[in-house]
Each structure stands twice: as structure tokens, then as C-alpha cells.
Amino acid sequence: MTELDALPPRRAATVLVGLTVGLFGSASSAMIVANTLPAIEADLGADSAAGSWVVVGSLLAMTVSIPLWGRLADAFDGKRVVQAAFVLFMIGCLGAGLAPGLGGLIATRALQGVAMGGILVSSQAVIARAVPGQRRAAYLGYLGATMSIASLCGPLIGGVLVELPGAGWRSAFFVLIPFALVGLVVVEAALPRRPGPGGFRIDAAGIALLALAVTSLLLLVTFGGVGFAWWSPQGLALGALGLFGALALVLVERRVADPVVDLAALAVPAVRWSVVGSVAIGAVMFSAVLYLSQYWQLGRGVSAAVTGLLVAPLLAATLVASIVSGHLVARGPRARAGTMLVGAILLTAGLAGLATVGLEPPGWLIVAAASLVGLGMGALMQTFLLVAQLAVGSERVGRTTSLVSMLRSLSGAAGVAVLGAVVASLAPGEGYPVAVAVAFGVAAAVSLGAVVASLVLGRTRDAAQPG
């Protein structure tokens, strides 16, 4: 980063405000359906398998689009890129609120997902270029805290609107539009234009292969064992398509001049292990909130509004940990290593605690375990990303940010689909609490990947470079 890139602290803070307001709206849309999904399914006449694509569809679209947004952020003016994402998000919100059926809702949610990917990546890329390395840790902490607040408010807003007379689930999408509008206006006023180098070429083959691999594998893990047998012709075909798409993607991206997925960044140990940790977090972060919310409603008969309050401690803990860890990480490599390790241990311990819900523990114990999960997620989400950013040059920060974010998002969509399949297959025979307990046990095992990544990154030389 050059001195010309860095913004004065006051203007950087104003830009941060605009980005966080807009990011709040987009991040809320990811979780606002957690408490509205039962109402959506009932209103549109959909079963739980089809309804899950209201969540999975947006995560899938976000995952596929994130690498493209990263390349755009590197090649062009970051200001115009993030503003384009804000406009696209508002269009998606309007379409989702007006959707006449489930198909239309899934399609507009996918449009929202594309915009969510753009807002997430371009916001982080703008901060990475406008704020020096050590101070950047605190700013990324605020972005992480914003996503935590949005995750906290999303289920609450959705639950309240579903039960509010005259509102309903459609208003849960309309209410997000003003946040993107505020972000659009503030960024226009506070962020100067800085044209990028240009010369961007669309990697059409890479995008197509990425979409093929991601869509095929998510369809397989979503409907395998539920809609069709794993070893049925449909299951084998989807698995073969997903494997072909993934292998072909690797071969193509190693040869093109402007790859949509920057696989070369994985040659850097800090980036590689940051990806491992981020994938482990992504696999459990969306699922923890979604299936904990559904456990309270379907396993214990709690209303949607009260469920939002019971899930709030998890998200509040994520908020606090995001802010605190951002300031701790700014102190240097030793603090980064300690923050990552403690966060990973808390995450695994909390998920292991949630795996006891099948034994019908007291409510306070579930809330306490969920709070540990929140502390772990808050300490890790932005820290892994910062480590990856500091390990590469500023000219590749957009691509590296998009690589980490894309794989975390992909693992999040896969986590929702896989754990949803686990719950759907076990609930009819074992009961919903037992099914959710098994899902959380699987999530605890996956989160051990974050523990391993934290241990390795604490000893990796390029992860310890000063910002």
C-alpha cells in the first residue's frame, strides 16, 4: 500500500460507516429467513427440501460470484464496484418481496446472493487499500462486528415481521433496501475515485466450470439420501459432474492469464492455511444459527419471535468477539496467533455442547454453549482473512480476499445442505432434537480444522509479517 492509497483517518472512518451500513443490509438478508422460512413454506406451499433453496440458492449465487467481484475490485475503481453491488442488492430485495411463487423467490434470492458477494468482497478490498495494515485489523473487526450484528438482527427482524399484523415475510426483504441506499450515498460522498489498472478479461470458462462444480455438488448433498438415493443414477451423475467441473476448473485456471479463481495464492502457506480455517468456519457458521433457530421452534415449540431472543446470545457474543479481536490482532503477530487459537478452541467446545440437545438439557445450557460458538466465530472470521491479506501484495488483495471469501461461502452453503440432509433423514425416525444433535456433532468435528489451522498459522513465517 502506498501513501497515496491510504485515506486520512476521518475520511476512512466515514467510508467505514457507509460500508458497514450497506453491509448490514446484505448480511441481514442471509439470516433474515432463519425465522421466516416456515412461514414462507406454508404460504407458498413448499416442503422443507424445496424451501431450503431460499437459503442455499443465495449462498450458491454468492459463492459463484465472489471470485468475479474480486477480479473487478482489483481491475477497476473500487468505489464503482461496491456501488454497483449496492444497486443490484436493492433490485434483488424488491424482487424477492414481490415474488409470486417459490421459483421466483429462489431466483431473486440468487440475485441477492450475487450482490451480497459483491458487497462483501468489494467492502473488504476498499478497506484493505484505504487503511494501513495494523489499523486495518480494527477496521476489519468492525466489518466482522457488522456481520455479527446483522446476523443477530436478521432472525429477530424476520421473526417480528412474520407475526406483526399487516407485515408478513415479504416485508422482511423490503426493509433491507434503505440500508443499501444509505451505503450507496455515503460511499459516493466520502470515497474518492481511484481507477484501477483495467485490462480485465472475463474468464468465461472459469466461471462456467465453477458454477457447474458448485451447483452439481450442492444438489448432490442437498437431495442425496432424501430426494434420491446416493448411489442412484441421479446421485452418480451429479457427483460425476461436480468432480469433472472441479478438476477442469483447476486445469483451466492454471493456464489463463486472468483466472477468476486465483489458485496461485494457495502457494503461499499463510493463504493456504487461512483457507483451511475459513472453510471450517464457513461450514458451521450459517448452520449454527439456522438449525439452532429451527431446534427452538420445531424441537421445543417456541415462537419465532422468542426464538430470535434465544439465538441472540450467540450472535451478541460474535459481535463482542469481532470488535475485541480486531483490536487484539492489531497488536501484532503474537496476539494474532493467540486470538486464533483461543477462538478455535471456543468454537469447537461450543458446538460440542450444542451436540447435547438430544438429551434435552436445560435451556440455559444451550444458550451458554451457543455463546461459546459465537465467541469463536467472532474471533476467527476476520482474523483468518487478515492473515491472508497481509501475506500478499496490495495488487492481489482483491483476488485473495475473494478466494478466501468464496471458499468460506461455498463451505457455508455445503454445510447448510449437508447438515440439512442429516436432519431431514434422521428427524422422522429419531425426532428433531436428536437429529439436530447429530448435526451439531458433525459440525464440532469439522471445526477441528480451525484448531489445526490456528496452530499452523501461529508458526508460519509469512503469517507473522507485520502489517
Protein backbone atom coordinates (compact mmCIF):
# COMPACT_ATOMS: atom_id res chain seq x y z
CA MET A 1 0.00 0.00 0.00
CA THR A 2 1.30 3.46 -0.91
CA GLU A 3 0.71 6.70 0.95
CA LEU A 4 -1.50 7.83 -1.93
CA ASP A 5 -3.75 4.83 -1.38
CA ALA A 6 -4.32 5.45 2.33
CA LEU A 7 -7.19 7.76 3.30
CA PRO A 8 -6.99 10.30 6.15
CA PRO A 9 -8.38 8.72 9.34
CA ARG A 10 -11.55 10.86 9.41
CA ARG A 11 -12.47 10.16 5.82
CA ALA A 12 -11.61 6.47 6.22
CA ALA A 13 -13.96 6.35 9.20
CA THR A 14 -16.75 7.92 7.12
CA VAL A 15 -16.22 5.36 4.38
CA LEU A 16 -16.31 2.62 7.02
CA VAL A 17 -19.69 3.90 8.24
CA GLY A 18 -21.15 3.78 4.73
CA LEU A 19 -19.76 0.33 4.07
CA THR A 20 -20.96 -1.07 7.40
CA VAL A 21 -24.50 0.27 6.91
CA GLY A 22 -24.72 -1.29 3.46
CA LEU A 23 -23.05 -4.48 4.65
CA PHE A 24 -25.56 -4.69 7.47
CA GLY A 25 -28.41 -4.85 4.99
CA SER A 26 -26.79 -7.50 2.80
CA ALA A 27 -25.63 -9.66 5.72
CA SER A 28 -29.08 -9.43 7.32
CA SER A 29 -30.61 -10.89 4.18
CA ALA A 30 -28.55 -14.06 4.65
CA MET A 31 -30.09 -14.81 8.04
CA ILE A 32 -33.42 -12.95 7.96
CA VAL A 33 -35.03 -16.08 6.52
CA ALA A 34 -33.97 -18.21 9.51
CA ASN A 35 -37.23 -17.45 11.33
CA THR A 36 -39.35 -16.68 8.26
CA LEU A 37 -38.70 -19.90 6.35
CA PRO A 38 -41.56 -21.87 7.96
CA ALA A 39 -43.98 -19.05 7.06
CA ILE A 40 -42.61 -18.84 3.50
CA GLU A 41 -43.01 -22.60 3.01
CA ALA A 42 -46.56 -22.52 4.35
CA ASP A 43 -47.57 -19.50 2.26
CA LEU A 44 -46.06 -20.77 -0.99
CA GLY A 45 -46.94 -24.42 -0.48
CA ALA A 46 -43.38 -25.74 -0.41
CA ASP A 47 -41.83 -28.59 1.58
CA SER A 48 -38.68 -28.15 3.67
CA ALA A 49 -36.37 -29.61 0.99
CA ALA A 50 -37.54 -27.13 -1.64
CA GLY A 51 -37.74 -24.29 0.88
CA SER A 52 -34.13 -24.79 1.89
CA TRP A 53 -33.14 -23.39 -1.51
CA VAL A 54 -34.33 -19.98 -0.37
CA VAL A 55 -31.18 -20.14 1.79
CA VAL A 56 -28.93 -22.38 -0.29
CA GLY A 57 -29.72 -20.59 -3.56
CA SER A 58 -28.50 -17.24 -2.29
CA LEU A 59 -25.37 -18.78 -0.78
CA LEU A 60 -24.68 -20.63 -4.02
CA ALA A 61 -25.01 -17.46 -6.11
CA MET A 62 -22.82 -15.55 -3.71
CA THR A 63 -20.16 -18.26 -3.85
CA VAL A 64 -20.00 -18.38 -7.64
CA SER A 65 -19.94 -14.59 -8.00
CA ILE A 66 -17.34 -13.79 -5.32
CA PRO A 67 -14.24 -14.52 -7.49
CA LEU A 68 -15.59 -12.30 -10.28
CA TRP A 69 -16.19 -9.45 -7.83
CA GLY A 70 -12.64 -9.88 -6.55
CA ARG A 71 -11.20 -9.51 -10.04
CA LEU A 72 -13.39 -6.45 -10.66
CA ALA A 73 -12.17 -4.90 -7.40
CA ASP A 74 -8.55 -5.38 -8.48
CA ALA A 75 -9.03 -4.14 -12.05
CA PHE A 76 -11.38 -1.16 -11.64
CA ASP A 77 -12.38 1.61 -9.29
CA GLY A 78 -13.42 0.01 -6.00
CA LYS A 79 -15.94 2.79 -5.42
CA ARG A 80 -17.93 1.98 -8.55
CA VAL A 81 -17.72 -1.76 -7.92
CA VAL A 82 -19.21 -1.56 -4.43
CA GLN A 83 -21.88 0.88 -5.60
CA ALA A 84 -22.89 -1.49 -8.40
CA ALA A 85 -23.27 -4.24 -5.81
CA PHE A 86 -25.50 -1.99 -3.66
CA VAL A 87 -27.79 -1.24 -6.62
CA LEU A 88 -28.02 -4.93 -7.55
CA PHE A 89 -28.88 -5.80 -3.97
CA MET A 90 -31.77 -3.32 -3.86
CA ILE A 91 -33.18 -4.81 -7.07
CA GLY A 92 -32.93 -8.30 -5.58
CA CYS A 93 -34.70 -7.24 -2.37
CA LEU A 94 -37.55 -5.68 -4.33
CA GLY A 95 -37.90 -8.78 -6.50
CA ALA A 96 -37.87 -11.15 -3.51
CA GLY A 97 -40.58 -9.17 -1.73
CA LEU A 98 -42.80 -9.23 -4.83
CA ALA A 99 -42.09 -12.86 -5.85
CA PRO A 100 -45.37 -14.63 -6.78
CA GLY A 101 -44.10 -18.16 -6.09
CA LEU A 102 -41.23 -20.22 -4.76
CA GLY A 103 -39.40 -20.31 -8.09
CA GLY A 104 -39.44 -16.53 -8.38
CA LEU A 105 -38.34 -16.15 -4.77
CA ILE A 106 -35.39 -18.51 -5.25
CA ALA A 107 -34.37 -16.66 -8.44
CA THR A 108 -34.45 -13.22 -6.80
CA ARG A 109 -32.70 -14.59 -3.73
CA ALA A 110 -29.97 -15.76 -6.11
CA LEU A 111 -29.73 -12.19 -7.42
CA GLN A 112 -29.43 -11.03 -3.82
CA GLY A 113 -26.66 -13.58 -3.36
CA VAL A 114 -24.69 -12.18 -6.29
CA ALA A 115 -24.99 -8.71 -4.80
CA MET A 116 -24.07 -9.98 -1.32
CA GLY A 117 -20.85 -11.39 -2.74
CA GLY A 118 -20.04 -8.05 -4.33
CA ILE A 119 -20.73 -6.03 -1.19
CA LEU A 120 -18.69 -8.39 0.97
CA VAL A 121 -15.60 -8.59 -1.24
CA SER A 122 -15.50 -5.01 -2.50
CA SER A 123 -16.03 -3.59 1.01
CA GLN A 124 -13.09 -5.58 2.32
CA ALA A 125 -10.96 -4.69 -0.71
CA VAL A 126 -11.71 -0.97 -0.28
CA ILE A 127 -10.70 -1.11 3.39
CA ALA A 128 -7.58 -3.13 2.55
CA ARG A 129 -6.40 -0.38 0.17
CA ALA A 130 -7.54 2.64 2.18
CA VAL A 131 -6.30 1.67 5.65
CA PRO A 132 -2.70 0.72 6.67
CA GLY A 133 -2.09 -2.86 7.77
CA GLN A 134 -2.13 -2.66 11.58
CA ARG A 135 -5.06 -0.21 11.71
CA ARG A 136 -6.79 -2.37 9.10
CA ALA A 137 -7.21 -5.16 11.68
CA ALA A 138 -9.51 -2.95 13.75
CA TYR A 139 -11.47 -1.88 10.66
CA LEU A 140 -11.92 -5.49 9.56
CA GLY A 141 -13.03 -6.19 13.11
CA TYR A 142 -15.77 -3.60 12.69
CA LEU A 143 -16.83 -5.19 9.42
CA GLY A 144 -16.94 -8.54 11.17
CA ALA A 145 -18.92 -6.98 14.01
CA THR A 146 -21.36 -5.56 11.47
CA MET A 147 -21.96 -9.02 10.03
CA SER A 148 -22.50 -10.28 13.58
CA ILE A 149 -24.99 -7.52 14.35
CA ALA A 150 -26.76 -8.28 11.09
CA SER A 151 -26.88 -11.97 11.96
CA LEU A 152 -28.29 -11.00 15.36
CA CYS A 153 -30.89 -8.62 13.96
CA GLY A 154 -31.80 -10.68 10.90
CA PRO A 155 -33.60 -13.51 12.74
CA LEU A 156 -35.12 -11.00 15.19
CA ILE A 157 -36.45 -8.78 12.39
CA GLY A 158 -37.72 -11.76 10.45
CA GLY A 159 -39.45 -13.28 13.47
CA VAL A 160 -41.12 -9.99 14.44
CA LEU A 161 -42.29 -9.19 10.91
CA VAL A 162 -43.79 -12.67 10.43
CA GLU A 163 -46.00 -12.19 13.49
CA LEU A 164 -46.69 -8.45 13.01
CA PRO A 165 -50.22 -7.85 11.67
CA GLY A 166 -50.12 -6.37 8.19
CA ALA A 167 -46.43 -7.15 7.66
CA GLY A 168 -45.52 -10.78 6.89
CA TRP A 169 -42.45 -12.41 5.40
CA ARG A 170 -42.40 -10.24 2.26
CA SER A 171 -41.73 -7.10 4.29
CA ALA A 172 -38.55 -8.77 5.61
CA PHE A 173 -37.00 -8.13 2.18
CA PHE A 174 -38.37 -4.62 1.65
CA VAL A 175 -36.97 -3.41 4.97
CA LEU A 176 -33.39 -4.06 3.81
CA ILE A 177 -33.49 -1.66 0.85
CA PRO A 178 -32.83 1.57 2.83
CA PHE A 179 -29.57 0.19 4.24
CA ALA A 180 -28.12 -0.37 0.78
CA LEU A 181 -29.33 3.08 -0.27
CA VAL A 182 -27.54 4.75 2.64
CA GLY A 183 -24.35 2.83 1.84
CA LEU A 184 -24.59 3.92 -1.79
CA VAL A 185 -24.94 7.61 -0.89
CA VAL A 186 -22.23 7.71 1.81
CA VAL A 187 -19.67 5.92 -0.36
CA GLU A 188 -20.42 8.35 -3.20
CA ALA A 189 -19.77 11.33 -0.92
CA ALA A 190 -16.75 10.09 1.05
CA LEU A 191 -14.73 7.69 -1.10
CA PRO A 192 -12.61 9.26 -3.87
CA ARG A 193 -12.41 7.62 -7.26
CA ARG A 194 -9.23 5.66 -7.92
CA PRO A 195 -9.35 3.96 -11.30
CA GLY A 196 -7.65 0.59 -11.35
CA PRO A 197 -5.27 -0.71 -14.00
CA GLY A 198 -8.10 -2.04 -16.16
CA GLY A 199 -7.28 -4.69 -18.72
CA PHE A 200 -9.77 -7.07 -17.16
CA ARG A 201 -10.75 -10.13 -19.17
CA ILE A 202 -13.76 -12.19 -18.23
CA ASP A 203 -12.72 -15.78 -17.57
CA ALA A 204 -15.91 -17.25 -19.04
CA ALA A 205 -14.63 -20.83 -18.94
CA GLY A 206 -13.60 -20.50 -15.30
CA ILE A 207 -16.95 -19.01 -14.29
CA ALA A 208 -18.88 -21.74 -16.14
CA LEU A 209 -16.81 -24.55 -14.63
CA LEU A 210 -17.06 -23.05 -11.15
CA ALA A 211 -20.84 -22.82 -11.50
CA LEU A 212 -21.02 -26.41 -12.78
CA ALA A 213 -18.92 -27.81 -9.94
CA VAL A 214 -20.64 -25.86 -7.17
CA THR A 215 -24.20 -26.40 -8.40
CA SER A 216 -23.76 -30.13 -9.03
CA LEU A 217 -22.15 -30.84 -5.68
CA LEU A 218 -24.70 -28.76 -3.74
CA LEU A 219 -27.59 -30.50 -5.49
CA LEU A 220 -26.00 -33.83 -4.56
CA VAL A 221 -25.52 -33.06 -0.88
CA THR A 222 -28.93 -31.37 -0.59
CA PHE A 223 -31.10 -34.09 -2.13
CA GLY A 224 -28.86 -37.15 -1.82
CA GLY A 225 -30.43 -39.64 0.59
CA VAL A 226 -33.64 -37.58 0.70
CA GLY A 227 -34.90 -36.88 -2.83
CA PHE A 228 -32.99 -39.79 -4.34
CA ALA A 229 -30.59 -42.49 -3.19
CA TRP A 230 -26.89 -41.61 -3.02
CA TRP A 231 -25.99 -44.38 -5.50
CA SER A 232 -28.92 -43.74 -7.82
CA PRO A 233 -28.31 -42.58 -11.42
CA GLN A 234 -29.15 -39.01 -10.36
CA GLY A 235 -26.67 -39.11 -7.49
CA LEU A 236 -23.90 -40.62 -9.58
CA ALA A 237 -24.48 -38.13 -12.41
CA LEU A 238 -24.35 -35.13 -10.09
CA GLY A 239 -21.23 -36.44 -8.39
CA ALA A 240 -19.52 -37.03 -11.74
CA LEU A 241 -20.46 -33.55 -12.99
CA GLY A 242 -19.22 -31.93 -9.80
CA LEU A 243 -15.92 -33.80 -9.90
CA PHE A 244 -15.43 -33.05 -13.60
CA GLY A 245 -16.18 -29.36 -13.05
CA ALA A 246 -13.74 -29.10 -10.13
CA LEU A 247 -10.88 -30.87 -11.94
CA ALA A 248 -11.43 -28.94 -15.17
CA LEU A 249 -11.55 -25.68 -13.19
CA VAL A 250 -8.12 -26.37 -11.68
CA LEU A 251 -6.64 -27.17 -15.11
CA VAL A 252 -8.16 -24.10 -16.79
CA GLU A 253 -7.32 -21.63 -14.02
CA ARG A 254 -3.66 -22.65 -14.06
CA ARG A 255 -3.35 -21.63 -17.73
CA VAL A 256 -5.45 -18.48 -18.26
CA ALA A 257 -3.92 -15.02 -17.91
CA ASP A 258 -6.68 -13.60 -15.69
CA PRO A 259 -8.13 -16.53 -13.72
CA VAL A 260 -11.41 -15.90 -11.93
CA VAL A 261 -10.11 -18.13 -9.11
CA ASP A 262 -6.56 -17.17 -8.08
CA LEU A 263 -5.26 -20.65 -7.29
CA ALA A 264 -1.69 -19.34 -7.32
CA ALA A 265 -2.35 -17.63 -4.00
CA LEU A 266 -2.62 -21.07 -2.40
CA ALA A 267 1.13 -21.46 -2.91
CA VAL A 268 1.56 -19.00 -0.01
CA PRO A 269 1.39 -21.03 3.24
CA ALA A 270 -0.44 -18.30 5.16
CA VAL A 271 -3.12 -18.07 2.48
CA ARG A 272 -3.43 -21.84 2.24
CA TRP A 273 -3.96 -22.34 5.97
CA SER A 274 -6.21 -19.29 6.21
CA VAL A 275 -8.40 -21.00 3.63
CA VAL A 276 -8.44 -24.21 5.70
CA GLY A 277 -9.55 -22.29 8.78
CA SER A 278 -12.10 -20.21 6.86
CA VAL A 279 -13.61 -23.30 5.25
CA ALA A 280 -14.03 -24.92 8.67
CA ILE A 281 -15.76 -21.80 9.99
CA GLY A 282 -17.95 -21.40 6.94
CA ALA A 283 -19.19 -24.97 7.20
CA VAL A 284 -20.67 -24.30 10.63
CA MET A 285 -21.42 -20.55 10.89
CA PHE A 286 -24.68 -20.41 8.87
CA SER A 287 -25.79 -23.85 10.04
CA ALA A 288 -25.31 -22.99 13.72
CA VAL A 289 -27.81 -20.13 13.58
CA LEU A 290 -30.23 -21.78 11.12
CA TYR A 291 -30.55 -25.14 12.86
CA LEU A 292 -30.42 -23.70 16.36
CA SER A 293 -33.36 -21.47 15.39
CA GLN A 294 -35.27 -24.39 13.94
CA TYR A 295 -34.47 -26.51 17.03
CA TRP A 296 -36.12 -23.97 19.31
CA GLN A 297 -39.20 -23.76 17.08
CA LEU A 298 -39.64 -27.38 15.98
CA GLY A 299 -37.96 -29.18 18.87
CA ARG A 300 -39.28 -27.11 21.76
CA GLY A 301 -42.31 -25.36 20.28
CA VAL A 302 -41.03 -21.81 20.83
CA SER A 303 -42.48 -18.95 18.76
CA ALA A 304 -40.45 -17.27 16.01
CA ALA A 305 -40.10 -14.01 17.96
CA VAL A 306 -38.92 -15.72 21.16
CA THR A 307 -36.55 -17.90 19.10
CA GLY A 308 -34.85 -14.75 17.90
CA LEU A 309 -34.21 -13.74 21.52
CA LEU A 310 -32.85 -17.19 22.41
CA VAL A 311 -30.44 -17.15 19.47
CA ALA A 312 -29.38 -13.57 20.25
CA PRO A 313 -26.64 -14.52 22.79
CA LEU A 314 -24.77 -16.48 20.10
CA LEU A 315 -24.81 -13.51 17.77
CA ALA A 316 -24.13 -10.97 20.50
CA ALA A 317 -21.06 -12.98 21.52
CA THR A 318 -19.92 -12.95 17.89
CA LEU A 319 -20.31 -9.17 17.85
CA VAL A 320 -18.26 -8.64 21.01
CA ALA A 321 -15.55 -11.07 19.93
CA SER A 322 -15.28 -9.45 16.49
CA ILE A 323 -14.63 -5.99 17.96
CA VAL A 324 -12.29 -7.16 20.73
CA SER A 325 -10.31 -9.49 18.47
CA GLY A 326 -9.89 -6.73 15.88
CA HIS A 327 -8.08 -4.57 18.44
CA LEU A 328 -6.11 -7.50 19.85
CA VAL A 329 -4.95 -8.64 16.43
CA ALA A 330 -3.74 -5.11 15.64
CA ARG A 331 -1.08 -5.53 18.36
CA GLY A 332 1.00 -7.87 16.24
CA PRO A 333 1.72 -11.49 15.20
CA ARG A 334 1.81 -12.95 18.71
CA ALA A 335 -1.62 -11.51 19.52
CA ARG A 336 -2.95 -12.81 16.19
CA ALA A 337 -1.76 -16.33 16.92
CA GLY A 338 -3.27 -16.34 20.41
CA THR A 339 -6.59 -14.93 19.22
CA MET A 340 -6.92 -17.58 16.51
CA LEU A 341 -6.14 -20.49 18.82
CA VAL A 342 -8.43 -19.39 21.64
CA GLY A 343 -11.23 -18.69 19.16
CA ALA A 344 -10.91 -22.10 17.52
CA ILE A 345 -11.00 -23.90 20.89
CA LEU A 346 -14.09 -21.95 21.98
CA LEU A 347 -15.84 -22.71 18.70
CA THR A 348 -15.25 -26.45 18.96
CA ALA A 349 -16.23 -26.56 22.64
CA GLY A 350 -19.46 -24.67 21.96
CA LEU A 351 -20.50 -26.94 19.10
CA ALA A 352 -19.75 -29.99 21.24
CA GLY A 353 -22.03 -28.51 23.89
CA LEU A 354 -24.82 -28.00 21.36
CA ALA A 355 -24.47 -31.65 20.37
CA THR A 356 -26.14 -32.50 23.70
CA VAL A 357 -29.54 -31.05 22.69
CA GLY A 358 -30.81 -34.57 22.02
CA LEU A 359 -30.59 -35.19 25.78
CA GLU A 360 -32.99 -32.28 26.39
CA PRO A 361 -30.64 -30.20 28.57
CA PRO A 362 -31.90 -27.06 30.32
CA GLY A 363 -32.31 -24.03 28.12
CA TRP A 364 -29.57 -22.04 29.85
CA LEU A 365 -27.01 -24.71 28.95
CA ILE A 366 -27.93 -24.50 25.26
CA VAL A 367 -27.67 -20.71 25.37
CA ALA A 368 -24.25 -20.93 27.10
CA ALA A 369 -22.91 -23.38 24.51
CA ALA A 370 -24.23 -21.22 21.69
CA SER A 371 -22.46 -18.20 23.23
CA LEU A 372 -19.14 -20.08 23.08
CA VAL A 373 -19.79 -20.74 19.39
CA GLY A 374 -20.38 -17.02 18.90
CA LEU A 375 -17.15 -16.06 20.66
CA GLY A 376 -15.20 -18.48 18.48
CA MET A 377 -16.73 -17.30 15.22
CA GLY A 378 -16.19 -13.64 16.10
CA ALA A 379 -12.54 -14.20 16.94
CA LEU A 380 -11.80 -16.14 13.75
CA MET A 381 -13.83 -14.83 10.81
CA GLN A 382 -11.89 -11.66 10.02
CA THR A 383 -8.60 -12.80 11.57
CA PHE A 384 -8.08 -15.59 9.02
CA LEU A 385 -8.88 -13.12 6.24
CA LEU A 386 -6.43 -10.53 7.58
CA VAL A 387 -3.62 -13.10 7.75
CA ALA A 388 -4.22 -13.97 4.08
CA GLN A 389 -4.30 -10.30 3.04
CA LEU A 390 -1.05 -9.47 4.83
CA ALA A 391 0.68 -12.36 3.10
CA VAL A 392 0.13 -10.94 -0.44
CA GLY A 393 0.75 -7.62 -2.16
CA SER A 394 -1.85 -4.87 -2.49
CA GLU A 395 -2.24 -5.58 -6.21
CA ARG A 396 -3.63 -9.05 -5.37
CA VAL A 397 -5.64 -8.18 -2.28
CA GLY A 398 -8.98 -8.30 -4.11
CA ARG A 399 -8.33 -11.71 -5.61
CA THR A 400 -7.02 -13.13 -2.35
CA THR A 401 -9.94 -11.71 -0.41
CA SER A 402 -12.36 -13.20 -2.92
CA LEU A 403 -10.62 -16.59 -2.80
CA VAL A 404 -10.92 -16.85 0.99
CA SER A 405 -14.46 -15.45 0.99
CA MET A 406 -15.59 -17.69 -1.86
CA LEU A 407 -14.37 -20.90 -0.26
CA ARG A 408 -15.84 -19.88 3.10
CA SER A 409 -19.16 -19.13 1.41
CA LEU A 410 -19.05 -22.41 -0.52
CA SER A 411 -18.41 -24.36 2.65
CA GLY A 412 -21.29 -22.45 4.27
CA ALA A 413 -23.70 -23.47 1.53
CA ALA A 414 -22.42 -27.05 1.68
CA GLY A 415 -22.72 -27.04 5.46
CA VAL A 416 -26.36 -25.92 5.33
CA ALA A 417 -27.12 -28.54 2.68
CA VAL A 418 -25.25 -31.44 4.30
CA LEU A 419 -26.48 -30.81 7.83
CA GLY A 420 -29.96 -30.20 6.44
CA ALA A 421 -29.81 -33.62 4.80
CA VAL A 422 -28.69 -35.14 8.11
CA VAL A 423 -31.59 -33.52 9.96
CA ALA A 424 -34.13 -34.42 7.26
CA SER A 425 -33.06 -38.07 7.20
CA LEU A 426 -32.98 -38.57 10.99
CA ALA A 427 -35.88 -36.42 12.19
CA PRO A 428 -38.76 -38.71 11.06
CA GLY A 429 -37.41 -41.69 13.00
CA GLU A 430 -35.34 -40.23 15.84
CA GLY A 431 -37.11 -36.94 16.45
CA TYR A 432 -35.98 -33.40 15.70
CA PRO A 433 -33.83 -32.85 18.84
CA VAL A 434 -31.76 -35.99 18.19
CA ALA A 435 -31.37 -35.12 14.51
CA VAL A 436 -30.11 -31.62 15.34
CA ALA A 437 -27.77 -33.06 17.99
CA VAL A 438 -26.12 -35.29 15.39
CA ALA A 439 -25.79 -32.33 13.03
CA PHE A 440 -24.04 -30.26 15.70
CA GLY A 441 -21.75 -33.20 16.48
CA VAL A 442 -20.68 -33.30 12.83
CA ALA A 443 -20.14 -29.52 12.93
CA ALA A 444 -17.92 -29.87 16.03
CA ALA A 445 -15.74 -32.40 14.21
CA VAL A 446 -15.42 -30.08 11.20
CA SER A 447 -14.45 -27.14 13.42
CA LEU A 448 -11.30 -29.01 14.45
CA GLY A 449 -9.94 -27.85 11.10
CA ALA A 450 -9.92 -24.30 12.51
CA VAL A 451 -7.91 -25.50 15.51
CA VAL A 452 -5.29 -27.10 13.26
CA ALA A 453 -5.12 -24.03 11.01
CA SER A 454 -4.67 -21.74 14.02
CA LEU A 455 -1.80 -23.84 15.35
CA VAL A 456 -0.03 -23.87 11.97
CA LEU A 457 -0.56 -20.16 11.28
CA GLY A 458 0.88 -19.30 14.66
CA ARG A 459 4.18 -20.76 13.43
CA THR A 460 4.04 -19.74 9.76
CA ARG A 461 6.59 -17.07 8.90
CA ASP A 462 4.60 -15.14 6.30
CA ALA A 463 1.56 -15.13 8.59
CA ALA A 464 3.61 -13.24 11.12
CA GLN A 465 4.74 -10.41 8.90
CA PRO A 466 3.79 -7.01 10.26
CA GLY A 467 1.01 -5.21 8.51
